[in-house]
Amino acid sequence: MTLGLVLGLAVCGGPGPERGEQAEEEQVTQQRPIADVQEAHSDSLMSIPGVVGTGLGKCDDDLCIVVFVAKKTPELSDRIPSELEGYRVDIRESGRFEARDPGMD
């Protein structure tokens, strides 16, 4: 699977510099929707031993990418990036997920 990259686009602030004036440049960043970023990176995150799932969540009232781990360890925290394409990544210890029989509710 190919990992996505953040693309930056520089836009000039006018038709060009006038005599004695400097052109102003404005940096505009095109950011993919967070769900697309989570989906694009899910396979590589899931390949890290101890990662049991990925999803979207809230971190300090902002959307973030959540990486669920069986047990949070310093070594595992070092392997998981703190952000992906400008979005915060939050590591949450969840234990192992087990499928349940839907008829057992």
Protein backbone atom coordinates (compact mmCIF):
# COMPACT_ATOMS: atom_id res chain seq x y z
CA MET A 1 0.00 0.00 0.00
CA THR A 2 1.32 3.44 -0.87
CA LEU A 3 1.50 5.97 1.94
CA GLY A 4 0.16 9.45 1.22
CA LEU A 5 2.13 12.64 1.59
CA VAL A 6 1.04 16.14 2.58
CA LEU A 7 1.19 18.41 -0.44
CA GLY A 8 2.01 22.10 -0.04
CA LEU A 9 1.05 24.70 -2.62
CA ALA A 10 2.72 28.10 -2.69
CA VAL A 11 0.53 30.93 -3.96
CA CYS A 12 1.82 34.37 -4.79
CA GLY A 13 0.03 37.31 -3.20
CA GLY A 14 -0.50 39.33 -6.38
CA PRO A 15 0.53 39.84 -9.97
CA GLY A 16 4.14 40.57 -9.06
CA PRO A 17 6.29 43.12 -7.28
CA GLU A 18 5.91 46.80 -8.14
CA ARG A 19 8.99 49.03 -8.22
CA GLY A 20 10.44 49.13 -4.71
CA GLU A 21 7.88 46.65 -3.34
CA GLN A 22 8.48 43.06 -2.36
CA ALA A 23 6.12 40.31 -3.44
CA GLU A 24 4.36 38.60 -0.55
CA GLU A 25 4.00 34.85 -0.66
CA GLU A 26 1.35 32.92 1.17
CA GLN A 27 1.73 29.24 1.99
CA VAL A 28 -1.46 27.24 1.44
CA THR A 29 -1.55 23.61 2.59
CA GLN A 30 -3.96 21.14 1.06
CA GLN A 31 -4.89 18.69 3.82
CA ARG A 32 -6.72 15.44 3.14
CA PRO A 33 -9.78 14.61 5.22
CA ILE A 34 -8.84 12.82 8.44
CA ALA A 35 -10.79 9.67 7.50
CA ASP A 36 -8.72 9.37 4.29
CA VAL A 37 -5.48 9.79 6.26
CA GLN A 38 -6.51 7.16 8.83
CA GLU A 39 -7.47 4.73 6.07
CA ALA A 40 -4.23 5.35 4.14
CA HIS A 41 -2.04 4.63 7.18
CA SER A 42 -4.08 1.90 8.86
CA ASP A 43 -2.26 -1.04 7.22
CA SER A 44 1.19 0.25 8.18
CA LEU A 45 0.06 0.97 11.75
CA MET A 46 -1.58 -2.45 12.05
CA SER A 47 1.69 -4.09 10.96
CA ILE A 48 3.33 -2.87 14.20
CA PRO A 49 3.25 -5.74 16.74
CA GLY A 50 0.91 -4.81 19.60
CA VAL A 51 -1.38 -2.54 17.54
CA VAL A 52 -4.89 -4.01 17.52
CA GLY A 53 -6.87 -1.34 15.71
CA THR A 54 -7.14 2.19 14.39
CA GLY A 55 -9.99 4.66 14.29
CA LEU A 56 -11.02 8.27 14.70
CA GLY A 57 -11.64 10.00 18.00
CA LYS A 58 -11.55 13.28 19.87
CA CYS A 59 -8.39 14.71 21.43
CA ASP A 60 -8.87 17.99 23.27
CA ASP A 61 -12.03 18.77 21.24
CA ASP A 62 -10.25 18.14 17.91
CA LEU A 63 -10.56 15.09 15.69
CA CYS A 64 -7.56 12.79 15.90
CA ILE A 65 -6.42 9.40 14.69
CA VAL A 66 -6.61 6.78 17.45
CA VAL A 67 -4.28 3.80 17.52
CA PHE A 68 -5.51 1.04 19.84
CA VAL A 69 -2.81 -1.14 21.41
CA ALA A 70 -3.07 -4.31 23.47
CA LYS A 71 -0.68 -2.85 26.08
CA LYS A 72 0.90 0.59 25.95
CA THR A 73 4.67 0.37 26.36
CA PRO A 74 7.44 2.94 25.83
CA GLU A 75 8.83 0.86 22.96
CA LEU A 76 5.46 0.76 21.22
CA SER A 77 4.92 4.47 21.80
CA ASP A 78 8.29 5.15 20.11
CA ARG A 79 7.23 3.22 16.99
CA ILE A 80 3.89 4.99 16.51
CA PRO A 81 4.12 8.53 15.09
CA SER A 82 2.68 11.39 17.16
CA GLU A 83 1.05 12.83 14.04
CA LEU A 84 0.15 11.78 10.53
CA GLU A 85 -0.21 14.32 7.74
CA GLY A 86 -0.84 17.09 10.26
CA TYR A 87 -3.36 15.18 12.40
CA ARG A 88 -2.59 14.24 15.99
CA VAL A 89 -2.26 10.51 16.77
CA ASP A 90 -3.45 9.28 20.17
CA ILE A 91 -2.38 5.88 21.51
CA ARG A 92 -5.01 4.17 23.66
CA GLU A 93 -4.57 0.92 25.54
CA SER A 94 -7.56 -1.29 24.85
CA GLY A 95 -6.39 -4.85 25.40
CA ARG A 96 -7.06 -7.37 22.65
CA PHE A 97 -10.30 -7.17 20.68
CA GLU A 98 -12.35 -10.33 20.40
CA ALA A 99 -15.17 -10.93 17.98
CA ARG A 100 -18.48 -11.70 19.68
CA ASP A 101 -21.28 -13.84 18.40
CA PRO A 102 -24.09 -11.36 17.58
CA GLY A 103 -26.64 -13.91 18.88
CA MET A 104 -25.07 -13.84 22.36
CA ASP A 105 -26.37 -10.35 23.34
